Amino acid sequence: MDEIDRELINLLSTKIGMLMEDHATIALTAGSLPTDQQKAAIDALAVASTKITNLAAAAQSVAE
């Protein structure tokens, strides 16, 4: 693996960590939100989850 691949994996992993950190509070508090806000919170978590999955797949592809 060359230096460019390592840097790309580092950037992708950092982005995954940032998304996880940004959405941790939402995940931990969604159950206590009013019903009308719960759907928006769950939708935001679903979008973040998809992004994280895609970023991880990209990192796996680079690492192969």
C-alpha atoms as a PDB file:
ATOM      1  CA  MET A   1       0.000   0.000   0.000  1.00  0.00           C
ATOM      2  CA  ASP A   2       1.433   3.353  -0.955  1.00  0.00           C
ATOM      3  CA  GLU A   3       1.352   6.641   0.951  1.00  0.00           C
ATOM      4  CA  ILE A   4      -1.593   8.002  -1.043  1.00  0.00           C
ATOM      5  CA  ASP A   5      -3.692   4.957  -0.146  1.00  0.00           C
ATOM      6  CA  ARG A   6      -2.766   5.306   3.524  1.00  0.00           C
ATOM      7  CA  GLU A   7      -3.727   8.980   3.497  1.00  0.00           C
ATOM      8  CA  LEU A   8      -7.040   8.230   1.791  1.00  0.00           C
ATOM      9  CA  ILE A   9      -7.856   5.533   4.355  1.00  0.00           C
ATOM     10  CA  ASN A  10      -6.946   7.988   7.111  1.00  0.00           C
ATOM     11  CA  LEU A  11      -9.257  10.637   5.660  1.00  0.00           C
ATOM     12  CA  LEU A  12     -12.129   8.195   5.179  1.00  0.00           C
ATOM     13  CA  SER A  13     -11.711   6.837   8.701  1.00  0.00           C
ATOM     14  CA  THR A  14     -11.595  10.346  10.136  1.00  0.00           C
ATOM     15  CA  LYS A  15     -14.813  11.243   8.336  1.00  0.00           C
ATOM     16  CA  ILE A  16     -16.463   8.094   9.704  1.00  0.00           C
ATOM     17  CA  GLY A  17     -15.408   9.078  13.219  1.00  0.00           C
ATOM     18  CA  MET A  18     -16.708  12.610  12.764  1.00  0.00           C
ATOM     19  CA  LEU A  19     -20.086  11.364  11.575  1.00  0.00           C
ATOM     20  CA  MET A  20     -20.312   8.955  14.493  1.00  0.00           C
ATOM     21  CA  GLU A  21     -19.428  11.682  16.966  1.00  0.00           C
ATOM     22  CA  ASP A  22     -21.877  14.160  15.425  1.00  0.00           C
ATOM     23  CA  HIS A  23     -24.744  11.675  15.627  1.00  0.00           C
ATOM     24  CA  ALA A  24     -23.993  10.042  18.980  1.00  0.00           C
ATOM     25  CA  THR A  25     -26.116  12.525  20.920  1.00  0.00           C
ATOM     26  CA  ILE A  26     -29.018  12.039  18.543  1.00  0.00           C
ATOM     27  CA  ALA A  27     -28.767   8.271  18.956  1.00  0.00           C
ATOM     28  CA  LEU A  28     -28.631   8.501  22.731  1.00  0.00           C
ATOM     29  CA  THR A  29     -31.534  10.931  23.074  1.00  0.00           C
ATOM     30  CA  ALA A  30     -33.923   9.908  20.276  1.00  0.00           C
ATOM     31  CA  GLY A  31     -36.024   7.823  22.624  1.00  0.00           C
ATOM     32  CA  SER A  32     -36.725  10.788  24.870  1.00  0.00           C
ATOM     33  CA  LEU A  33     -37.692  13.206  22.096  1.00  0.00           C
ATOM     34  CA  PRO A  34     -41.272  14.203  21.444  1.00  0.00           C
ATOM     35  CA  THR A  35     -42.929  11.949  18.870  1.00  0.00           C
ATOM     36  CA  ASP A  36     -42.853  14.591  16.141  1.00  0.00           C
ATOM     37  CA  GLN A  37     -39.077  14.988  16.559  1.00  0.00           C
ATOM     38  CA  GLN A  38     -38.290  11.280  16.822  1.00  0.00           C
ATOM     39  CA  LYS A  39     -38.902  10.616  13.119  1.00  0.00           C
ATOM     40  CA  ALA A  40     -36.520  13.388  12.097  1.00  0.00           C
ATOM     41  CA  ALA A  41     -33.895  12.061  14.508  1.00  0.00           C
ATOM     42  CA  ILE A  42     -34.239   8.497  13.243  1.00  0.00           C
ATOM     43  CA  ASP A  43     -34.119   9.728   9.643  1.00  0.00           C
ATOM     44  CA  ALA A  44     -30.892  11.612  10.399  1.00  0.00           C
ATOM     45  CA  LEU A  45     -29.404   8.478  11.956  1.00  0.00           C
ATOM     46  CA  ALA A  46     -30.390   6.393   8.926  1.00  0.00           C
ATOM     47  CA  VAL A  47     -28.733   8.871   6.563  1.00  0.00           C
ATOM     48  CA  ALA A  48     -25.582   8.965   8.703  1.00  0.00           C
ATOM     49  CA  SER A  49     -25.528   5.179   8.882  1.00  0.00           C
ATOM     50  CA  THR A  50     -25.681   4.917   5.109  1.00  0.00           C
ATOM     51  CA  LYS A  51     -22.858   7.444   4.739  1.00  0.00           C
ATOM     52  CA  ILE A  52     -20.742   5.555   7.278  1.00  0.00           C
ATOM     53  CA  THR A  53     -21.349   2.259   5.486  1.00  0.00           C
ATOM     54  CA  ASN A  54     -20.376   3.794   2.144  1.00  0.00           C
ATOM     55  CA  LEU A  55     -17.258   5.420   3.544  1.00  0.00           C
ATOM     56  CA  ALA A  56     -16.201   2.159   5.208  1.00  0.00           C
ATOM     57  CA  ALA A  57     -16.731   0.292   1.941  1.00  0.00           C
ATOM     58  CA  ALA A  58     -14.558   2.843   0.159  1.00  0.00           C
ATOM     59  CA  ALA A  59     -11.830   2.429   2.786  1.00  0.00           C
ATOM     60  CA  GLN A  60     -12.033  -1.362   2.424  1.00  0.00           C
ATOM     61  CA  SER A  61     -11.707  -1.034  -1.332  1.00  0.00           C
ATOM     62  CA  VAL A  62      -8.599   1.130  -1.010  1.00  0.00           C
ATOM     63  CA  ALA A  63      -7.101  -1.266   1.561  1.00  0.00           C
ATOM     64  CA  GLU A  64      -7.414  -4.301  -0.749  1.00  0.00           C
END
